[in-house]
PDB file of N, CA and C in Angstrom:
ATOM      1  N   MET A   1       0.811  -1.195   0.000  1.00  0.00           N
ATOM      2  CA  MET A   1       0.000   0.005   0.012  1.00  0.00           C
ATOM      3  C   MET A   1       0.853   1.267   0.009  1.00  0.00           C
ATOM      4  N   PRO A   2       1.875   1.384   0.877  1.00  0.00           N
ATOM      5  CA  PRO A   2       2.686   2.616   0.829  1.00  0.00           C
ATOM      6  C   PRO A   2       3.344   2.828  -0.515  1.00  0.00           C
ATOM      7  N   LEU A   3       3.737   1.738  -1.205  1.00  0.00           N
ATOM      8  CA  LEU A   3       4.356   1.883  -2.514  1.00  0.00           C
ATOM      9  C   LEU A   3       3.356   2.454  -3.512  1.00  0.00           C
ATOM     10  N   LEU A   4       2.126   2.040  -3.428  1.00  0.00           N
ATOM     11  CA  LEU A   4       1.071   2.559  -4.307  1.00  0.00           C
ATOM     12  C   LEU A   4       0.905   4.061  -4.097  1.00  0.00           C
ATOM     13  N   ILE A   5       0.877   4.475  -2.855  1.00  0.00           N
ATOM     14  CA  ILE A   5       0.741   5.914  -2.563  1.00  0.00           C
ATOM     15  C   ILE A   5       1.961   6.682  -3.007  1.00  0.00           C
ATOM     16  N   ASP A   6       3.170   6.123  -2.756  1.00  0.00           N
ATOM     17  CA  ASP A   6       4.410   6.779  -3.196  1.00  0.00           C
ATOM     18  C   ASP A   6       4.403   6.976  -4.712  1.00  0.00           C
ATOM     19  N   ASP A   7       4.022   5.947  -5.457  1.00  0.00           N
ATOM     20  CA  ASP A   7       3.979   6.042  -6.910  1.00  0.00           C
ATOM     21  C   ASP A   7       2.989   7.097  -7.358  1.00  0.00           C
ATOM     22  N   ALA A   8       1.842   7.154  -6.711  1.00  0.00           N
ATOM     23  CA  ALA A   8       0.817   8.124  -7.099  1.00  0.00           C
ATOM     24  C   ALA A   8       1.298   9.551  -6.835  1.00  0.00           C
ATOM     25  N   VAL A   9       1.937   9.770  -5.720  1.00  0.00           N
ATOM     26  CA  VAL A   9       2.429  11.098  -5.372  1.00  0.00           C
ATOM     27  C   VAL A   9       3.540  11.517  -6.336  1.00  0.00           C
ATOM     28  N   GLN A  10       4.475  10.607  -6.607  1.00  0.00           N
ATOM     29  CA  GLN A  10       5.598  10.933  -7.482  1.00  0.00           C
ATOM     30  C   GLN A  10       5.138  11.191  -8.904  1.00  0.00           C
ATOM     31  N   SER A  11       4.152  10.455  -9.364  1.00  0.00           N
ATOM     32  CA  SER A  11       3.732  10.593 -10.760  1.00  0.00           C
ATOM     33  C   SER A  11       2.894  11.850 -11.000  1.00  0.00           C
ATOM     34  N   THR A  12       2.416  12.456  -9.948  1.00  0.00           N
ATOM     35  CA  THR A  12       1.561  13.624 -10.114  1.00  0.00           C
ATOM     36  C   THR A  12       2.141  14.863  -9.450  1.00  0.00           C
ATOM     37  N   GLU A  13       3.416  14.851  -9.140  1.00  0.00           N
ATOM     38  CA  GLU A  13       4.018  16.004  -8.455  1.00  0.00           C
ATOM     39  C   GLU A  13       3.952  17.260  -9.325  1.00  0.00           C
ATOM     40  N   VAL A  14       3.521  18.327  -8.721  1.00  0.00           N
ATOM     41  CA  VAL A  14       3.436  19.633  -9.361  1.00  0.00           C
ATOM     42  C   VAL A  14       4.179  20.595  -8.441  1.00  0.00           C
ATOM     43  N   PRO A  15       4.962  21.495  -9.003  1.00  0.00           N
ATOM     44  CA  PRO A  15       5.683  22.434  -8.127  1.00  0.00           C
ATOM     45  C   PRO A  15       4.713  23.110  -7.152  1.00  0.00           C
ATOM     46  N   GLU A  16       5.120  23.156  -5.882  1.00  0.00           N
ATOM     47  CA  GLU A  16       4.236  23.671  -4.821  1.00  0.00           C
ATOM     48  C   GLU A  16       3.779  25.090  -5.085  1.00  0.00           C
ATOM     49  N   GLU A  17       4.628  25.905  -5.693  1.00  0.00           N
ATOM     50  CA  GLU A  17       4.236  27.291  -5.915  1.00  0.00           C
ATOM     51  C   GLU A  17       3.113  27.422  -6.946  1.00  0.00           C
ATOM     52  N   MET A  18       2.832  26.351  -7.682  1.00  0.00           N
ATOM     53  CA  MET A  18       1.789  26.394  -8.712  1.00  0.00           C
ATOM     54  C   MET A  18       0.420  25.980  -8.149  1.00  0.00           C
ATOM     55  N   THR A  19       0.404  25.313  -7.015  1.00  0.00           N
ATOM     56  CA  THR A  19      -0.863  24.836  -6.474  1.00  0.00           C
ATOM     57  C   THR A  19      -0.982  25.177  -5.004  1.00  0.00           C
ATOM     58  N   PRO A  20      -2.168  25.571  -4.575  1.00  0.00           N
ATOM     59  CA  PRO A  20      -2.335  25.785  -3.137  1.00  0.00           C
ATOM     60  C   PRO A  20      -2.363  24.440  -2.440  1.00  0.00           C
ATOM     61  N   PRO A  21      -2.051  24.383  -1.149  1.00  0.00           N
ATOM     62  CA  PRO A  21      -2.105  23.083  -0.451  1.00  0.00           C
ATOM     63  C   PRO A  21      -3.544  22.557  -0.429  1.00  0.00           C
ATOM     64  N   LEU A  22      -3.672  21.270  -0.524  1.00  0.00           N
ATOM     65  CA  LEU A  22      -4.984  20.667  -0.428  1.00  0.00           C
ATOM     66  C   LEU A  22      -5.488  20.784   1.001  1.00  0.00           C
ATOM     67  N   THR A  23      -6.794  20.966   1.135  1.00  0.00           N
ATOM     68  CA  THR A  23      -7.354  20.863   2.467  1.00  0.00           C
ATOM     69  C   THR A  23      -7.709  19.399   2.678  1.00  0.00           C
ATOM     70  N   LEU A  24      -7.887  19.005   3.907  1.00  0.00           N
ATOM     71  CA  LEU A  24      -8.234  17.632   4.224  1.00  0.00           C
ATOM     72  C   LEU A  24      -9.562  17.273   3.544  1.00  0.00           C
ATOM     73  N   MET A  25     -10.487  18.189   3.501  1.00  0.00           N
ATOM     74  CA  MET A  25     -11.782  17.931   2.857  1.00  0.00           C
ATOM     75  C   MET A  25     -11.620  17.776   1.359  1.00  0.00           C
ATOM     76  N   ASP A  26     -10.753  18.576   0.714  1.00  0.00           N
ATOM     77  CA  ASP A  26     -10.502  18.428  -0.718  1.00  0.00           C
ATOM     78  C   ASP A  26     -10.011  17.024  -1.035  1.00  0.00           C
ATOM     79  N   LEU A  27      -9.051  16.569  -0.239  1.00  0.00           N
ATOM     80  CA  LEU A  27      -8.475  15.248  -0.474  1.00  0.00           C
ATOM     81  C   LEU A  27      -9.501  14.149  -0.250  1.00  0.00           C
ATOM     82  N   PHE A  28     -10.225  14.233   0.839  1.00  0.00           N
ATOM     83  CA  PHE A  28     -11.222  13.238   1.151  1.00  0.00           C
ATOM     84  C   PHE A  28     -12.262  13.134   0.061  1.00  0.00           C
ATOM     85  N   THR A  29     -12.737  14.280  -0.411  1.00  0.00           N
ATOM     86  CA  THR A  29     -13.747  14.320  -1.463  1.00  0.00           C
ATOM     87  C   THR A  29     -13.231  13.715  -2.766  1.00  0.00           C
ATOM     88  N   ALA A  30     -12.004  14.091  -3.157  1.00  0.00           N
ATOM     89  CA  ALA A  30     -11.428  13.567  -4.389  1.00  0.00           C
ATOM     90  C   ALA A  30     -11.216  12.059  -4.314  1.00  0.00           C
ATOM     91  N   LEU A  31     -10.738  11.562  -3.193  1.00  0.00           N
ATOM     92  CA  LEU A  31     -10.512  10.118  -3.074  1.00  0.00           C
ATOM     93  C   LEU A  31     -11.816   9.340  -3.059  1.00  0.00           C
ATOM     94  N   CYS A  32     -12.832   9.862  -2.420  1.00  0.00           N
ATOM     95  CA  CYS A  32     -14.135   9.178  -2.374  1.00  0.00           C
ATOM     96  C   CYS A  32     -14.756   9.103  -3.761  1.00  0.00           C
ATOM     97  N   GLU A  33     -14.451  10.059  -4.625  1.00  0.00           N
ATOM     98  CA  GLU A  33     -14.976  10.015  -6.002  1.00  0.00           C
ATOM     99  C   GLU A  33     -14.271   8.922  -6.812  1.00  0.00           C
ATOM    100  N   GLU A  34     -13.060   8.553  -6.406  1.00  0.00           N
ATOM    101  CA  GLU A  34     -12.279   7.584  -7.168  1.00  0.00           C
ATOM    102  C   GLU A  34     -12.448   6.146  -6.725  1.00  0.00           C
ATOM    103  N   THR A  35     -12.788   5.925  -5.449  1.00  0.00           N
ATOM    104  CA  THR A  35     -12.881   4.561  -4.951  1.00  0.00           C
ATOM    105  C   THR A  35     -13.950   4.457  -3.864  1.00  0.00           C
ATOM    106  N   ASP A  36     -14.489   3.253  -3.709  1.00  0.00           N
ATOM    107  CA  ASP A  36     -15.440   2.973  -2.644  1.00  0.00           C
ATOM    108  C   ASP A  36     -14.776   2.275  -1.463  1.00  0.00           C
ATOM    109  N   ASP A  37     -13.447   2.081  -1.538  1.00  0.00           N
ATOM    110  CA  ASP A  37     -12.703   1.382  -0.499  1.00  0.00           C
ATOM    111  C   ASP A  37     -12.361   2.364   0.624  1.00  0.00           C
ATOM    112  N   ASP A  38     -13.124   2.325   1.697  1.00  0.00           N
ATOM    113  CA  ASP A  38     -12.917   3.270   2.796  1.00  0.00           C
ATOM    114  C   ASP A  38     -11.541   3.134   3.438  1.00  0.00           C
ATOM    115  N   ARG A  39     -11.016   1.916   3.492  1.00  0.00           N
ATOM    116  CA  ARG A  39      -9.687   1.724   4.083  1.00  0.00           C
ATOM    117  C   ARG A  39      -8.600   2.380   3.233  1.00  0.00           C
ATOM    118  N   LEU A  40      -8.733   2.323   1.928  1.00  0.00           N
ATOM    119  CA  LEU A  40      -7.758   2.965   1.031  1.00  0.00           C
ATOM    120  C   LEU A  40      -7.825   4.474   1.181  1.00  0.00           C
ATOM    121  N   VAL A  41      -9.031   5.020   1.245  1.00  0.00           N
ATOM    122  CA  VAL A  41      -9.199   6.454   1.420  1.00  0.00           C
ATOM    123  C   VAL A  41      -8.571   6.892   2.744  1.00  0.00           C
ATOM    124  N   ALA A  42      -8.858   6.167   3.805  1.00  0.00           N
ATOM    125  CA  ALA A  42      -8.310   6.543   5.129  1.00  0.00           C
ATOM    126  C   ALA A  42      -6.789   6.470   5.129  1.00  0.00           C
ATOM    127  N   ALA A  43      -6.235   5.406   4.560  1.00  0.00           N
ATOM    128  CA  ALA A  43      -4.769   5.245   4.534  1.00  0.00           C
ATOM    129  C   ALA A  43      -4.117   6.368   3.733  1.00  0.00           C
ATOM    130  N   ALA A  44      -4.708   6.701   2.595  1.00  0.00           N
ATOM    131  CA  ALA A  44      -4.149   7.774   1.747  1.00  0.00           C
ATOM    132  C   ALA A  44      -4.209   9.119   2.449  1.00  0.00           C
ATOM    133  N   VAL A  45      -5.333   9.421   3.075  1.00  0.00           N
ATOM    134  CA  VAL A  45      -5.476  10.695   3.783  1.00  0.00           C
ATOM    135  C   VAL A  45      -4.466  10.789   4.924  1.00  0.00           C
ATOM    136  N   ILE A  46      -4.347   9.751   5.719  1.00  0.00           N
ATOM    137  CA  ILE A  46      -3.398   9.755   6.843  1.00  0.00           C
ATOM    138  C   ILE A  46      -1.983   9.911   6.348  1.00  0.00           C
ATOM    139  N   ASP A  47      -1.604   9.149   5.327  1.00  0.00           N
ATOM    140  CA  ASP A  47      -0.247   9.181   4.808  1.00  0.00           C
ATOM    141  C   ASP A  47       0.093  10.568   4.263  1.00  0.00           C
ATOM    142  N   LEU A  48      -0.753  11.116   3.445  1.00  0.00           N
ATOM    143  CA  LEU A  48      -0.469  12.418   2.836  1.00  0.00           C
ATOM    144  C   LEU A  48      -0.512  13.552   3.865  1.00  0.00           C
ATOM    145  N   PHE A  49      -1.382  13.436   4.859  1.00  0.00           N
ATOM    146  CA  PHE A  49      -1.413  14.448   5.927  1.00  0.00           C
ATOM    147  C   PHE A  49      -0.122  14.405   6.731  1.00  0.00           C
ATOM    148  N   CYS A  50       0.348  13.204   7.065  1.00  0.00           N
ATOM    149  CA  CYS A  50       1.601  13.060   7.816  1.00  0.00           C
ATOM    150  C   CYS A  50       2.799  13.593   7.039  1.00  0.00           C
ATOM    151  N   ARG A  51       2.775  13.475   5.739  1.00  0.00           N
ATOM    152  CA  ARG A  51       3.872  13.989   4.899  1.00  0.00           C
ATOM    153  C   ARG A  51       3.817  15.493   4.672  1.00  0.00           C
ATOM    154  N   GLY A  52       2.729  16.116   5.071  1.00  0.00           N
ATOM    155  CA  GLY A  52       2.618  17.562   4.923  1.00  0.00           C
ATOM    156  C   GLY A  52       2.014  18.018   3.622  1.00  0.00           C
ATOM    157  N   TYR A  53       1.480  17.090   2.822  1.00  0.00           N
ATOM    158  CA  TYR A  53       0.848  17.455   1.553  1.00  0.00           C
ATOM    159  C   TYR A  53      -0.529  18.067   1.753  1.00  0.00           C
ATOM    160  N   VAL A  54      -1.113  17.817   2.929  1.00  0.00           N
ATOM    161  CA  VAL A  54      -2.482  18.251   3.197  1.00  0.00           C
ATOM    162  C   VAL A  54      -2.464  19.131   4.439  1.00  0.00           C
ATOM    163  N   LYS A  55      -3.184  20.225   4.394  1.00  0.00           N
ATOM    164  CA  LYS A  55      -3.283  21.140   5.536  1.00  0.00           C
ATOM    165  C   LYS A  55      -4.701  21.110   6.078  1.00  0.00           C
ATOM    166  N   MET A  56      -4.836  21.329   7.384  1.00  0.00           N
ATOM    167  CA  MET A  56      -6.162  21.445   7.959  1.00  0.00           C
ATOM    168  C   MET A  56      -6.748  22.761   7.450  1.00  0.00           C
ATOM    169  N   GLN A  57      -8.043  22.776   7.216  1.00  0.00           N
ATOM    170  CA  GLN A  57      -8.677  23.977   6.708  1.00  0.00           C
ATOM    171  C   GLN A  57      -8.474  25.113   7.716  1.00  0.00           C
ATOM    172  N   GLY A  58      -8.047  26.264   7.198  1.00  0.00           N
ATOM    173  CA  GLY A  58      -7.805  27.406   8.043  1.00  0.00           C
ATOM    174  C   GLY A  58      -6.350  27.566   8.450  1.00  0.00           C
ATOM    175  N   GLU A  59      -5.474  26.611   8.127  1.00  0.00           N
ATOM    176  CA  GLU A  59      -4.060  26.722   8.447  1.00  0.00           C
ATOM    177  C   GLU A  59      -3.341  27.589   7.459  1.00  0.00           C
TER     178      GLU A  59
END
């Protein structure tokens, strides 16, 4: 699973100055549109939040 997330992040990297940080809700919504696997959504959200790719709304 971590390898799948690593590959997804690496293949879609965009320079940070070009995109605002995702909010947790943005990420959750996008992942739920792509899959019905709640465990995959939860793992991806936790992993990306821990890496700093996702900010809490209002940060």
